[in-house]
Amino acid sequence: MRGALARRDLEPGEPYLTVPRRLVICPPTCRAHATLGPVFRAHARELGGDAGLALFVMHERAAGGASFWAPYLRTLPAPDN
């Protein structure tokens, strides 16, 4: 089962979940990466948006279990699906 349950009424616009930026695959995460960061910074225009995120995920998948992101990546569908 997926979903969320609030223990009290939430105000409109009130956050009900926060995720630390270091746990989100996003352009700032890509630019901060030890190996790929220089590539992302040098080619920001070409690697903005989906292309950069795809490159990041491919790189991290190739790292296998050594990747910080391995537990998350294992939950994603296989590339051939």
PDB file of N, CA and C in Angstrom:
ATOM      1  N   MET A   1       0.840  -1.172   0.000  1.00  0.00           N
ATOM      2  CA  MET A   1       0.000   0.000   0.000  1.00  0.00           C
ATOM      3  C   MET A   1       0.891   1.243   0.000  1.00  0.00           C
ATOM      4  N   ARG A   2       0.509   2.225  -0.784  1.00  0.00           N
ATOM      5  CA  ARG A   2       1.244   3.483  -0.832  1.00  0.00           C
ATOM      6  C   ARG A   2       0.304   4.606  -0.466  1.00  0.00           C
ATOM      7  N   GLY A   3       0.851   5.604   0.166  1.00  0.00           N
ATOM      8  CA  GLY A   3       0.047   6.764   0.513  1.00  0.00           C
ATOM      9  C   GLY A   3       0.543   7.389   1.790  1.00  0.00           C
ATOM     10  N   ALA A   4      -0.213   8.340   2.256  1.00  0.00           N
ATOM     11  CA  ALA A   4       0.138   9.035   3.488  1.00  0.00           C
ATOM     12  C   ALA A   4      -1.139   9.309   4.257  1.00  0.00           C
ATOM     13  N   LEU A   5      -1.012   9.376   5.558  1.00  0.00           N
ATOM     14  CA  LEU A   5      -2.136   9.657   6.426  1.00  0.00           C
ATOM     15  C   LEU A   5      -1.719  10.756   7.387  1.00  0.00           C
ATOM     16  N   ALA A   6      -2.529  11.787   7.471  1.00  0.00           N
ATOM     17  CA  ALA A   6      -2.236  12.882   8.397  1.00  0.00           C
ATOM     18  C   ALA A   6      -2.945  12.623   9.714  1.00  0.00           C
ATOM     19  N   ARG A   7      -2.276  12.918  10.792  1.00  0.00           N
ATOM     20  CA  ARG A   7      -2.868  12.736  12.122  1.00  0.00           C
ATOM     21  C   ARG A   7      -3.704  13.939  12.535  1.00  0.00           C
ATOM     22  N   ARG A   8      -3.608  15.008  11.748  1.00  0.00           N
ATOM     23  CA  ARG A   8      -4.411  16.198  12.010  1.00  0.00           C
ATOM     24  C   ARG A   8      -4.713  16.868  10.678  1.00  0.00           C
ATOM     25  N   ASP A   9      -5.668  17.755  10.679  1.00  0.00           N
ATOM     26  CA  ASP A   9      -5.988  18.493   9.467  1.00  0.00           C
ATOM     27  C   ASP A   9      -4.803  19.367   9.077  1.00  0.00           C
ATOM     28  N   LEU A  10      -4.544  19.420   7.797  1.00  0.00           N
ATOM     29  CA  LEU A  10      -3.471  20.248   7.275  1.00  0.00           C
ATOM     30  C   LEU A  10      -4.060  21.510   6.668  1.00  0.00           C
ATOM     31  N   GLU A  11      -3.335  22.585   6.833  1.00  0.00           N
ATOM     32  CA  GLU A  11      -3.754  23.847   6.225  1.00  0.00           C
ATOM     33  C   GLU A  11      -3.418  23.801   4.732  1.00  0.00           C
ATOM     34  N   PRO A  12      -4.191  24.486   3.895  1.00  0.00           N
ATOM     35  CA  PRO A  12      -3.852  24.529   2.473  1.00  0.00           C
ATOM     36  C   PRO A  12      -2.424  25.062   2.285  1.00  0.00           C
ATOM     37  N   GLY A  13      -1.655  24.361   1.484  1.00  0.00           N
ATOM     38  CA  GLY A  13      -0.286  24.767   1.215  1.00  0.00           C
ATOM     39  C   GLY A  13       0.721  24.353   2.274  1.00  0.00           C
ATOM     40  N   GLU A  14       0.266  23.770   3.372  1.00  0.00           N
ATOM     41  CA  GLU A  14       1.171  23.346   4.445  1.00  0.00           C
ATOM     42  C   GLU A  14       1.939  22.098   4.007  1.00  0.00           C
ATOM     43  N   PRO A  15       3.276  22.122   4.131  1.00  0.00           N
ATOM     44  CA  PRO A  15       4.041  20.922   3.762  1.00  0.00           C
ATOM     45  C   PRO A  15       3.693  19.754   4.684  1.00  0.00           C
ATOM     46  N   TYR A  16       3.595  18.587   4.117  1.00  0.00           N
ATOM     47  CA  TYR A  16       3.345  17.391   4.928  1.00  0.00           C
ATOM     48  C   TYR A  16       4.507  16.409   4.832  1.00  0.00           C
ATOM     49  N   LEU A  17       5.480  16.744   3.982  1.00  0.00           N
ATOM     50  CA  LEU A  17       6.643  15.898   3.827  1.00  0.00           C
ATOM     51  C   LEU A  17       7.798  16.764   3.358  1.00  0.00           C
ATOM     52  N   THR A  18       8.953  16.576   3.943  1.00  0.00           N
ATOM     53  CA  THR A  18      10.149  17.252   3.445  1.00  0.00           C
ATOM     54  C   THR A  18      11.211  16.190   3.184  1.00  0.00           C
ATOM     55  N   VAL A  19      11.977  16.410   2.144  1.00  0.00           N
ATOM     56  CA  VAL A  19      13.046  15.496   1.767  1.00  0.00           C
ATOM     57  C   VAL A  19      14.325  16.308   1.672  1.00  0.00           C
ATOM     58  N   PRO A  20      15.358  15.925   2.389  1.00  0.00           N
ATOM     59  CA  PRO A  20      16.624  16.665   2.287  1.00  0.00           C
ATOM     60  C   PRO A  20      17.144  16.652   0.852  1.00  0.00           C
ATOM     61  N   ARG A  21      17.653  17.781   0.385  1.00  0.00           N
ATOM     62  CA  ARG A  21      18.119  17.895  -1.004  1.00  0.00           C
ATOM     63  C   ARG A  21      19.159  16.831  -1.335  1.00  0.00           C
ATOM     64  N   ARG A  22      19.998  16.441  -0.379  1.00  0.00           N
ATOM     65  CA  ARG A  22      21.032  15.443  -0.670  1.00  0.00           C
ATOM     66  C   ARG A  22      20.433  14.075  -0.994  1.00  0.00           C
ATOM     67  N   LEU A  23      19.123  13.904  -0.737  1.00  0.00           N
ATOM     68  CA  LEU A  23      18.447  12.647  -1.027  1.00  0.00           C
ATOM     69  C   LEU A  23      17.542  12.743  -2.250  1.00  0.00           C
ATOM     70  N   VAL A  24      17.753  13.765  -3.067  1.00  0.00           N
ATOM     71  CA  VAL A  24      16.950  13.971  -4.277  1.00  0.00           C
ATOM     72  C   VAL A  24      17.890  14.010  -5.473  1.00  0.00           C
ATOM     73  N   ILE A  25      17.602  13.227  -6.493  1.00  0.00           N
ATOM     74  CA  ILE A  25      18.375  13.311  -7.726  1.00  0.00           C
ATOM     75  C   ILE A  25      17.804  14.478  -8.516  1.00  0.00           C
ATOM     76  N   CYS A  26      18.573  15.545  -8.582  1.00  0.00           N
ATOM     77  CA  CYS A  26      18.147  16.779  -9.236  1.00  0.00           C
ATOM     78  C   CYS A  26      19.404  17.482  -9.772  1.00  0.00           C
ATOM     79  N   PRO A  27      19.250  18.504 -10.607  1.00  0.00           N
ATOM     80  CA  PRO A  27      20.431  19.167 -11.158  1.00  0.00           C
ATOM     81  C   PRO A  27      21.468  19.596 -10.111  1.00  0.00           C
ATOM     82  N   PRO A  28      21.087  20.179  -8.969  1.00  0.00           N
ATOM     83  CA  PRO A  28      22.120  20.520  -7.988  1.00  0.00           C
ATOM     84  C   PRO A  28      22.883  19.292  -7.467  1.00  0.00           C
ATOM     85  N   THR A  29      22.199  18.168  -7.312  1.00  0.00           N
ATOM     86  CA  THR A  29      22.857  16.928  -6.885  1.00  0.00           C
ATOM     87  C   THR A  29      23.869  16.491  -7.946  1.00  0.00           C
ATOM     88  N   CYS A  30      23.478  16.587  -9.210  1.00  0.00           N
ATOM     89  CA  CYS A  30      24.375  16.199 -10.307  1.00  0.00           C
ATOM     90  C   CYS A  30      25.616  17.085 -10.334  1.00  0.00           C
ATOM     91  N   ARG A  31      25.421  18.392 -10.174  1.00  0.00           N
ATOM     92  CA  ARG A  31      26.560  19.321 -10.210  1.00  0.00           C
ATOM     93  C   ARG A  31      27.499  19.127  -9.022  1.00  0.00           C
ATOM     94  N   ALA A  32      26.984  18.611  -7.907  1.00  0.00           N
ATOM     95  CA  ALA A  32      27.794  18.409  -6.704  1.00  0.00           C
ATOM     96  C   ALA A  32      28.499  17.053  -6.686  1.00  0.00           C
ATOM     97  N   HIS A  33      28.170  16.169  -7.619  1.00  0.00           N
ATOM     98  CA  HIS A  33      28.734  14.821  -7.645  1.00  0.00           C
ATOM     99  C   HIS A  33      30.252  14.888  -7.833  1.00  0.00           C
ATOM    100  N   ALA A  34      30.986  14.086  -7.069  1.00  0.00           N
ATOM    101  CA  ALA A  34      32.455  14.124  -7.098  1.00  0.00           C
ATOM    102  C   ALA A  34      33.026  13.824  -8.477  1.00  0.00           C
ATOM    103  N   THR A  35      32.481  12.845  -9.180  1.00  0.00           N
ATOM    104  CA  THR A  35      33.009  12.459 -10.487  1.00  0.00           C
ATOM    105  C   THR A  35      32.342  13.226 -11.622  1.00  0.00           C
ATOM    106  N   LEU A  36      31.019  13.271 -11.617  1.00  0.00           N
ATOM    107  CA  LEU A  36      30.287  13.890 -12.724  1.00  0.00           C
ATOM    108  C   LEU A  36      30.129  15.398 -12.594  1.00  0.00           C
ATOM    109  N   GLY A  37      30.303  15.935 -11.420  1.00  0.00           N
ATOM    110  CA  GLY A  37      30.101  17.360 -11.199  1.00  0.00           C
ATOM    111  C   GLY A  37      30.830  18.249 -12.187  1.00  0.00           C
ATOM    112  N   PRO A  38      32.122  18.020 -12.413  1.00  0.00           N
ATOM    113  CA  PRO A  38      32.834  18.859 -13.380  1.00  0.00           C
ATOM    114  C   PRO A  38      32.237  18.780 -14.789  1.00  0.00           C
ATOM    115  N   VAL A  39      31.774  17.602 -15.178  1.00  0.00           N
ATOM    116  CA  VAL A  39      31.155  17.439 -16.496  1.00  0.00           C
ATOM    117  C   VAL A  39      29.856  18.239 -16.556  1.00  0.00           C
ATOM    118  N   PHE A  40      29.049  18.129 -15.513  1.00  0.00           N
ATOM    119  CA  PHE A  40      27.785  18.869 -15.481  1.00  0.00           C
ATOM    120  C   PHE A  40      28.015  20.378 -15.477  1.00  0.00           C
ATOM    121  N   ARG A  41      29.017  20.816 -14.768  1.00  0.00           N
ATOM    122  CA  ARG A  41      29.293  22.259 -14.723  1.00  0.00           C
ATOM    123  C   ARG A  41      29.836  22.761 -16.058  1.00  0.00           C
ATOM    124  N   ALA A  42      30.658  21.957 -16.712  1.00  0.00           N
ATOM    125  CA  ALA A  42      31.246  22.361 -17.996  1.00  0.00           C
ATOM    126  C   ALA A  42      30.236  22.315 -19.141  1.00  0.00           C
ATOM    127  N   HIS A  43      29.236  21.475 -19.012  1.00  0.00           N
ATOM    128  CA  HIS A  43      28.257  21.288 -20.092  1.00  0.00           C
ATOM    129  C   HIS A  43      26.835  21.519 -19.579  1.00  0.00           C
ATOM    130  N   ALA A  44      26.682  22.544 -18.783  1.00  0.00           N
ATOM    131  CA  ALA A  44      25.388  22.814 -18.144  1.00  0.00           C
ATOM    132  C   ALA A  44      24.259  22.939 -19.155  1.00  0.00           C
ATOM    133  N   ARG A  45      24.519  23.586 -20.268  1.00  0.00           N
ATOM    134  CA  ARG A  45      23.460  23.784 -21.267  1.00  0.00           C
ATOM    135  C   ARG A  45      23.000  22.446 -21.859  1.00  0.00           C
ATOM    136  N   GLU A  46      23.954  21.609 -22.223  1.00  0.00           N
ATOM    137  CA  GLU A  46      23.620  20.326 -22.852  1.00  0.00           C
ATOM    138  C   GLU A  46      23.046  19.322 -21.868  1.00  0.00           C
ATOM    139  N   LEU A  47      23.468  19.407 -20.604  1.00  0.00           N
ATOM    140  CA  LEU A  47      23.063  18.403 -19.621  1.00  0.00           C
ATOM    141  C   LEU A  47      21.991  18.908 -18.656  1.00  0.00           C
ATOM    142  N   GLY A  48      21.349  19.989 -19.014  1.00  0.00           N
ATOM    143  CA  GLY A  48      20.236  20.459 -18.194  1.00  0.00           C
ATOM    144  C   GLY A  48      19.027  19.564 -18.432  1.00  0.00           C
ATOM    145  N   GLY A  49      18.192  19.458 -17.473  1.00  0.00           N
ATOM    146  CA  GLY A  49      16.948  18.701 -17.631  1.00  0.00           C
ATOM    147  C   GLY A  49      17.146  17.198 -17.689  1.00  0.00           C
ATOM    148  N   ASP A  50      16.315  16.553 -18.508  1.00  0.00           N
ATOM    149  CA  ASP A  50      16.239  15.097 -18.537  1.00  0.00           C
ATOM    150  C   ASP A  50      17.532  14.418 -18.994  1.00  0.00           C
ATOM    151  N   ALA A  51      18.243  15.031 -19.943  1.00  0.00           N
ATOM    152  CA  ALA A  51      19.480  14.403 -20.436  1.00  0.00           C
ATOM    153  C   ALA A  51      20.499  14.254 -19.310  1.00  0.00           C
ATOM    154  N   GLY A  52      20.648  15.278 -18.507  1.00  0.00           N
ATOM    155  CA  GLY A  52      21.589  15.214 -17.393  1.00  0.00           C
ATOM    156  C   GLY A  52      21.164  14.219 -16.335  1.00  0.00           C
ATOM    157  N   LEU A  53      19.871  14.198 -16.044  1.00  0.00           N
ATOM    158  CA  LEU A  53      19.385  13.248 -15.047  1.00  0.00           C
ATOM    159  C   LEU A  53      19.556  11.816 -15.532  1.00  0.00           C
ATOM    160  N   ALA A  54      19.322  11.592 -16.828  1.00  0.00           N
ATOM    161  CA  ALA A  54      19.517  10.252 -17.388  1.00  0.00           C
ATOM    162  C   ALA A  54      20.981   9.842 -17.293  1.00  0.00           C
ATOM    163  N   LEU A  55      21.889  10.759 -17.618  1.00  0.00           N
ATOM    164  CA  LEU A  55      23.320  10.461 -17.501  1.00  0.00           C
ATOM    165  C   LEU A  55      23.688  10.111 -16.061  1.00  0.00           C
ATOM    166  N   PHE A  56      23.176  10.872 -15.119  1.00  0.00           N
ATOM    167  CA  PHE A  56      23.463  10.630 -13.714  1.00  0.00           C
ATOM    168  C   PHE A  56      22.982   9.234 -13.297  1.00  0.00           C
ATOM    169  N   VAL A  57      21.762   8.894 -13.670  1.00  0.00           N
ATOM    170  CA  VAL A  57      21.216   7.584 -13.296  1.00  0.00           C
ATOM    171  C   VAL A  57      22.011   6.463 -13.959  1.00  0.00           C
ATOM    172  N   MET A  58      22.377   6.627 -15.231  1.00  0.00           N
ATOM    173  CA  MET A  58      23.181   5.593 -15.900  1.00  0.00           C
ATOM    174  C   MET A  58      24.526   5.411 -15.197  1.00  0.00           C
ATOM    175  N   HIS A  59      25.152   6.513 -14.833  1.00  0.00           N
ATOM    176  CA  HIS A  59      26.442   6.443 -14.132  1.00  0.00           C
ATOM    177  C   HIS A  59      26.290   5.721 -12.798  1.00  0.00           C
ATOM    178  N   GLU A  60      25.275   6.051 -12.060  1.00  0.00           N
ATOM    179  CA  GLU A  60      25.071   5.441 -10.749  1.00  0.00           C
ATOM    180  C   GLU A  60      24.662   3.978 -10.868  1.00  0.00           C
ATOM    181  N   ARG A  61      23.885   3.624 -11.887  1.00  0.00           N
ATOM    182  CA  ARG A  61      23.552   2.210 -12.119  1.00  0.00           C
ATOM    183  C   ARG A  61      24.816   1.420 -12.421  1.00  0.00           C
ATOM    184  N   ALA A  62      25.710   2.008 -13.220  1.00  0.00           N
ATOM    185  CA  ALA A  62      26.955   1.328 -13.575  1.00  0.00           C
ATOM    186  C   ALA A  62      27.838   1.105 -12.343  1.00  0.00           C
ATOM    187  N   ALA A  63      27.723   1.964 -11.349  1.00  0.00           N
ATOM    188  CA  ALA A  63      28.511   1.815 -10.115  1.00  0.00           C
ATOM    189  C   ALA A  63      28.002   0.659  -9.262  1.00  0.00           C
ATOM    190  N   GLY A  64      26.793   0.181  -9.543  1.00  0.00           N
ATOM    191  CA  GLY A  64      26.240  -0.959  -8.814  1.00  0.00           C
ATOM    192  C   GLY A  64      26.083  -0.684  -7.328  1.00  0.00           C
ATOM    193  N   GLY A  65      26.403  -1.689  -6.523  1.00  0.00           N
ATOM    194  CA  GLY A  65      26.239  -1.593  -5.079  1.00  0.00           C
ATOM    195  C   GLY A  65      27.112  -0.545  -4.414  1.00  0.00           C
ATOM    196  N   ALA A  66      28.137  -0.072  -5.105  1.00  0.00           N
ATOM    197  CA  ALA A  66      29.011   0.961  -4.546  1.00  0.00           C
ATOM    198  C   ALA A  66      28.352   2.345  -4.578  1.00  0.00           C
ATOM    199  N   SER A  67      27.279   2.466  -5.347  1.00  0.00           N
ATOM    200  CA  SER A  67      26.602   3.758  -5.464  1.00  0.00           C
ATOM    201  C   SER A  67      25.783   4.068  -4.216  1.00  0.00           C
ATOM    202  N   PHE A  68      25.868   5.298  -3.753  1.00  0.00           N
ATOM    203  CA  PHE A  68      25.007   5.770  -2.659  1.00  0.00           C
ATOM    204  C   PHE A  68      23.542   5.556  -3.016  1.00  0.00           C
ATOM    205  N   TRP A  69      23.237   5.666  -4.308  1.00  0.00           N
ATOM    206  CA  TRP A  69      21.857   5.594  -4.793  1.00  0.00           C
ATOM    207  C   TRP A  69      21.396   4.159  -5.068  1.00  0.00           C
ATOM    208  N   ALA A  70      22.242   3.157  -4.869  1.00  0.00           N
ATOM    209  CA  ALA A  70      21.911   1.767  -5.209  1.00  0.00           C
ATOM    210  C   ALA A  70      20.579   1.304  -4.624  1.00  0.00           C
ATOM    211  N   PRO A  71      20.284   1.543  -3.347  1.00  0.00           N
ATOM    212  CA  PRO A  71      18.996   1.061  -2.826  1.00  0.00           C
ATOM    213  C   PRO A  71      17.793   1.664  -3.574  1.00  0.00           C
ATOM    214  N   TYR A  72      17.886   2.935  -3.907  1.00  0.00           N
ATOM    215  CA  TYR A  72      16.797   3.566  -4.667  1.00  0.00           C
ATOM    216  C   TYR A  72      16.743   3.017  -6.091  1.00  0.00           C
ATOM    217  N   LEU A  73      17.895   2.930  -6.734  1.00  0.00           N
ATOM    218  CA  LEU A  73      17.929   2.487  -8.119  1.00  0.00           C
ATOM    219  C   LEU A  73      17.383   1.063  -8.274  1.00  0.00           C
ATOM    220  N   ARG A  74      17.558   0.233  -7.256  1.00  0.00           N
ATOM    221  CA  ARG A  74      17.012  -1.137  -7.319  1.00  0.00           C
ATOM    222  C   ARG A  74      15.486  -1.140  -7.360  1.00  0.00           C
ATOM    223  N   THR A  75      14.841  -0.060  -6.932  1.00  0.00           N
ATOM    224  CA  THR A  75      13.379  -0.012  -6.955  1.00  0.00           C
ATOM    225  C   THR A  75      12.833   0.403  -8.313  1.00  0.00           C
ATOM    226  N   LEU A  76      13.701   0.896  -9.197  1.00  0.00           N
ATOM    227  CA  LEU A  76      13.254   1.356 -10.518  1.00  0.00           C
ATOM    228  C   LEU A  76      13.127   0.174 -11.477  1.00  0.00           C
ATOM    229  N   PRO A  77      12.259   0.311 -12.469  1.00  0.00           N
ATOM    230  CA  PRO A  77      12.162  -0.770 -13.484  1.00  0.00           C
ATOM    231  C   PRO A  77      13.482  -0.923 -14.215  1.00  0.00           C
ATOM    232  N   ALA A  78      13.744  -2.130 -14.668  1.00  0.00           N
ATOM    233  CA  ALA A  78      14.952  -2.377 -15.454  1.00  0.00           C
ATOM    234  C   ALA A  78      14.892  -1.544 -16.724  1.00  0.00           C
ATOM    235  N   PRO A  79      16.050  -1.127 -17.255  1.00  0.00           N
ATOM    236  CA  PRO A  79      16.066  -0.287 -18.448  1.00  0.00           C
ATOM    237  C   PRO A  79      15.343  -0.898 -19.649  1.00  0.00           C
ATOM    238  N   ASP A  80      15.291  -2.228 -19.744  1.00  0.00           N
ATOM    239  CA  ASP A  80      14.648  -2.861 -20.891  1.00  0.00           C
ATOM    240  C   ASP A  80      13.137  -2.999 -20.730  1.00  0.00           C
ATOM    241  N   ASN A  81      12.584  -2.557 -19.608  1.00  0.00           N
ATOM    242  CA  ASN A  81      11.124  -2.652 -19.402  1.00  0.00           C
ATOM    243  C   ASN A  81      10.428  -1.432 -19.923  1.00  0.00           C
TER     244      ASN A  81
END
